[in-house]
Amino acid sequence: MRLKNQTSANAVLTDREFEVMDSFASGMSIQAIAETLNITPETVKKHGQRAMHKLGANSRWQAVAMWLNSQA
């Protein structure tokens, strides 16, 4: 697990949540992420939802923006 640096992103995301967020940020579709990570699309969605919740985001794209901002 990795710790976020900024206050809005003070959540701890699992390695898989990081991978999913990174894939979303790269513009990959849920299906493409699922195939790349060898998991089901439903599991991709679940990891994304957990990351969204931890980041306090209201949408996947808001979570991606918050995640990318915290990586800078």
Protein backbone atom coordinates (compact mmCIF):
# COMPACT_ATOMS: atom_id res chain seq x y z
CA MET A 1 0.00 0.00 0.00
CA ARG A 2 1.15 3.51 -0.72
CA LEU A 3 0.39 6.73 1.10
CA LYS A 4 -0.83 9.83 -0.67
CA ASN A 5 0.96 13.13 -0.02
CA GLN A 6 -1.70 15.84 -0.35
CA THR A 7 -4.50 16.42 2.13
CA SER A 8 -7.31 15.87 -0.39
CA ALA A 9 -5.65 12.62 -1.31
CA ASN A 10 -4.59 11.44 2.15
CA ALA A 11 -6.13 8.07 1.49
CA VAL A 12 -4.10 4.92 1.38
CA LEU A 13 -4.66 3.15 -1.92
CA THR A 14 -3.76 -0.46 -2.49
CA ASP A 15 -1.30 -1.34 -5.23
CA ARG A 16 -4.21 -2.60 -7.38
CA GLU A 17 -6.15 0.64 -6.84
CA PHE A 18 -3.02 2.53 -7.94
CA GLU A 19 -2.77 0.36 -11.06
CA VAL A 20 -6.42 0.97 -11.90
CA MET A 21 -6.13 4.73 -11.33
CA ASP A 22 -2.98 4.85 -13.44
CA SER A 23 -4.75 2.94 -16.21
CA PHE A 24 -7.76 5.26 -16.06
CA ALA A 25 -5.39 8.24 -16.22
CA SER A 26 -3.80 6.70 -19.33
CA GLY A 27 -7.21 6.65 -20.97
CA MET A 28 -7.72 2.90 -20.90
CA SER A 29 -11.24 1.48 -20.95
CA ILE A 30 -12.54 -0.75 -18.19
CA GLN A 31 -12.38 -3.73 -20.55
CA ALA A 32 -8.78 -2.97 -21.55
CA ILE A 33 -7.76 -2.58 -17.91
CA ALA A 34 -9.44 -5.88 -17.05
CA GLU A 35 -7.60 -7.67 -19.83
CA THR A 36 -4.25 -6.08 -18.94
CA LEU A 37 -4.54 -6.87 -15.22
CA ASN A 38 -6.19 -10.25 -15.85
CA ILE A 39 -9.25 -9.41 -13.73
CA THR A 40 -12.93 -8.98 -14.55
CA PRO A 41 -14.40 -5.63 -15.60
CA GLU A 42 -16.53 -5.75 -12.42
CA THR A 43 -13.36 -6.00 -10.34
CA VAL A 44 -11.87 -3.01 -12.19
CA LYS A 45 -15.01 -1.02 -11.37
CA LYS A 46 -14.84 -2.07 -7.72
CA HIS A 47 -11.19 -0.99 -7.40
CA GLY A 48 -12.08 2.31 -9.07
CA GLN A 49 -15.03 2.85 -6.73
CA ARG A 50 -12.88 2.15 -3.67
CA ALA A 51 -10.23 4.60 -4.86
CA MET A 52 -12.94 7.21 -5.57
CA HIS A 53 -14.31 6.78 -2.08
CA LYS A 54 -10.87 7.00 -0.46
CA LEU A 55 -10.05 10.13 -2.45
CA GLY A 56 -13.41 11.74 -1.71
CA ALA A 57 -14.23 12.04 -5.40
CA ASN A 58 -17.72 12.17 -6.91
CA SER A 59 -16.75 10.63 -10.25
CA ARG A 60 -14.07 8.47 -11.78
CA TRP A 61 -12.59 11.42 -13.66
CA GLN A 62 -12.53 13.61 -10.58
CA ALA A 63 -10.68 10.79 -8.80
CA VAL A 64 -8.20 10.56 -11.68
CA ALA A 65 -7.61 14.33 -11.54
CA MET A 66 -7.11 14.22 -7.77
CA TRP A 67 -4.82 11.20 -8.08
CA LEU A 68 -2.72 12.81 -10.82
CA ASN A 69 -2.48 16.04 -8.82
CA SER A 70 -1.23 14.12 -5.80
CA GLN A 71 1.45 12.43 -7.94
CA ALA A 72 2.93 15.76 -9.09
